[in-house]
Amino acid sequence: MTQSMSRIAHCTDNGPMEGLRGILKREMYYGRKYHTKEELVKAITEYIDYYTNGRPQRGLGIQTPKEYLERLEAA
């Protein structure tokens, strides 16, 4: 058994996950209709791949994580 990220009385532990969940809902869920659970699961899986590999992020200088890692490896 492993300990989860959350600890009792430490609400800031949940901040990063809550932030991701809010972005996910805002960018891929609101305004769309999913008719089956499988359709929703597929959309979430695709979005997480996009978020991890293809979404430009300000903290990385408006680059995708993939572009950022490629620049680091080339340097």
C-alpha atoms as a PDB file:
ATOM      1  CA  MET A   1       0.000   0.000   0.000  1.00  0.00           C
ATOM      2  CA  THR A   2       1.289   3.492  -0.811  1.00  0.00           C
ATOM      3  CA  GLN A   3       0.292   6.826   0.646  1.00  0.00           C
ATOM      4  CA  SER A   4      -1.691   9.161  -1.558  1.00  0.00           C
ATOM      5  CA  MET A   5      -0.687  12.771  -2.185  1.00  0.00           C
ATOM      6  CA  SER A   6      -3.354  14.126   0.145  1.00  0.00           C
ATOM      7  CA  ARG A   7      -2.803  14.481   3.862  1.00  0.00           C
ATOM      8  CA  ILE A   8      -5.354  15.253   6.513  1.00  0.00           C
ATOM      9  CA  ALA A   9      -5.760  19.015   7.060  1.00  0.00           C
ATOM     10  CA  HIS A  10      -3.491  19.928   4.122  1.00  0.00           C
ATOM     11  CA  CYS A  11      -5.934  21.182   1.500  1.00  0.00           C
ATOM     12  CA  THR A  12      -3.131  22.635  -0.654  1.00  0.00           C
ATOM     13  CA  ASP A  13      -2.072  19.084  -1.532  1.00  0.00           C
ATOM     14  CA  ASN A  14      -5.101  18.870  -3.821  1.00  0.00           C
ATOM     15  CA  GLY A  15      -4.393  22.134  -5.667  1.00  0.00           C
ATOM     16  CA  PRO A  16      -2.539  20.764  -8.711  1.00  0.00           C
ATOM     17  CA  MET A  17      -5.157  18.062  -9.326  1.00  0.00           C
ATOM     18  CA  GLU A  18      -8.048  20.481  -8.870  1.00  0.00           C
ATOM     19  CA  GLY A  19      -6.370  22.855 -11.318  1.00  0.00           C
ATOM     20  CA  LEU A  20      -6.002  20.140 -13.962  1.00  0.00           C
ATOM     21  CA  ARG A  21      -9.594  19.055 -13.467  1.00  0.00           C
ATOM     22  CA  GLY A  22     -10.812  22.623 -13.942  1.00  0.00           C
ATOM     23  CA  ILE A  23      -8.792  23.056 -17.140  1.00  0.00           C
ATOM     24  CA  LEU A  24     -10.010  19.706 -18.461  1.00  0.00           C
ATOM     25  CA  LYS A  25     -13.659  20.596 -17.849  1.00  0.00           C
ATOM     26  CA  ARG A  26     -13.288  24.073 -19.336  1.00  0.00           C
ATOM     27  CA  GLU A  27     -11.394  23.005 -22.465  1.00  0.00           C
ATOM     28  CA  MET A  28     -13.002  19.682 -23.384  1.00  0.00           C
ATOM     29  CA  TYR A  29     -16.183  19.063 -21.413  1.00  0.00           C
ATOM     30  CA  TYR A  30     -18.358  22.184 -21.173  1.00  0.00           C
ATOM     31  CA  GLY A  31     -20.421  22.855 -24.283  1.00  0.00           C
ATOM     32  CA  ARG A  32     -20.191  19.292 -25.591  1.00  0.00           C
ATOM     33  CA  LYS A  33     -22.478  16.304 -25.227  1.00  0.00           C
ATOM     34  CA  TYR A  34     -21.271  12.773 -24.664  1.00  0.00           C
ATOM     35  CA  HIS A  35     -23.855  10.086 -25.271  1.00  0.00           C
ATOM     36  CA  THR A  36     -22.022   7.093 -23.797  1.00  0.00           C
ATOM     37  CA  LYS A  37     -19.543   6.487 -21.020  1.00  0.00           C
ATOM     38  CA  GLU A  38     -17.091   5.073 -23.564  1.00  0.00           C
ATOM     39  CA  GLU A  39     -17.302   8.269 -25.615  1.00  0.00           C
ATOM     40  CA  LEU A  40     -16.523  10.366 -22.525  1.00  0.00           C
ATOM     41  CA  VAL A  41     -13.657   8.120 -21.409  1.00  0.00           C
ATOM     42  CA  LYS A  42     -12.149   8.279 -24.920  1.00  0.00           C
ATOM     43  CA  ALA A  43     -12.440  12.081 -24.968  1.00  0.00           C
ATOM     44  CA  ILE A  44     -10.771  12.368 -21.541  1.00  0.00           C
ATOM     45  CA  THR A  45      -7.961   9.995 -22.556  1.00  0.00           C
ATOM     46  CA  GLU A  46      -7.325  11.972 -25.749  1.00  0.00           C
ATOM     47  CA  TYR A  47      -7.393  15.256 -23.854  1.00  0.00           C
ATOM     48  CA  ILE A  48      -4.884  14.041 -21.253  1.00  0.00           C
ATOM     49  CA  ASP A  49      -2.546  13.011 -24.098  1.00  0.00           C
ATOM     50  CA  TYR A  50      -3.007  16.469 -25.663  1.00  0.00           C
ATOM     51  CA  TYR A  51      -2.459  18.201 -22.304  1.00  0.00           C
ATOM     52  CA  THR A  52       0.704  16.192 -21.641  1.00  0.00           C
ATOM     53  CA  ASN A  53       2.230  16.408 -25.111  1.00  0.00           C
ATOM     54  CA  GLY A  54       0.604  19.033 -27.300  1.00  0.00           C
ATOM     55  CA  ARG A  55      -0.840  21.885 -25.246  1.00  0.00           C
ATOM     56  CA  PRO A  56       1.339  25.038 -25.176  1.00  0.00           C
ATOM     57  CA  GLN A  57       2.044  26.135 -21.614  1.00  0.00           C
ATOM     58  CA  ARG A  58       3.050  29.579 -20.358  1.00  0.00           C
ATOM     59  CA  GLY A  59       5.420  28.128 -17.768  1.00  0.00           C
ATOM     60  CA  LEU A  60       7.435  26.581 -20.601  1.00  0.00           C
ATOM     61  CA  GLY A  61       7.672  29.779 -22.651  1.00  0.00           C
ATOM     62  CA  ILE A  62       4.527  29.091 -24.730  1.00  0.00           C
ATOM     63  CA  GLN A  63       5.906  25.756 -25.873  1.00  0.00           C
ATOM     64  CA  THR A  64       4.441  22.302 -25.694  1.00  0.00           C
ATOM     65  CA  PRO A  65       6.090  19.963 -23.187  1.00  0.00           C
ATOM     66  CA  LYS A  66       7.413  17.945 -26.120  1.00  0.00           C
ATOM     67  CA  GLU A  67       9.009  21.035 -27.727  1.00  0.00           C
ATOM     68  CA  TYR A  68      10.481  22.074 -24.395  1.00  0.00           C
ATOM     69  CA  LEU A  69      12.071  18.667 -23.799  1.00  0.00           C
ATOM     70  CA  GLU A  70      13.431  18.562 -27.356  1.00  0.00           C
ATOM     71  CA  ARG A  71      15.114  21.969 -26.807  1.00  0.00           C
ATOM     72  CA  LEU A  72      16.615  20.788 -23.522  1.00  0.00           C
ATOM     73  CA  GLU A  73      17.960  17.624 -25.129  1.00  0.00           C
ATOM     74  CA  ALA A  74      19.433  19.568 -28.062  1.00  0.00           C
ATOM     75  CA  ALA A  75      21.291  22.003 -25.779  1.00  0.00           C
END
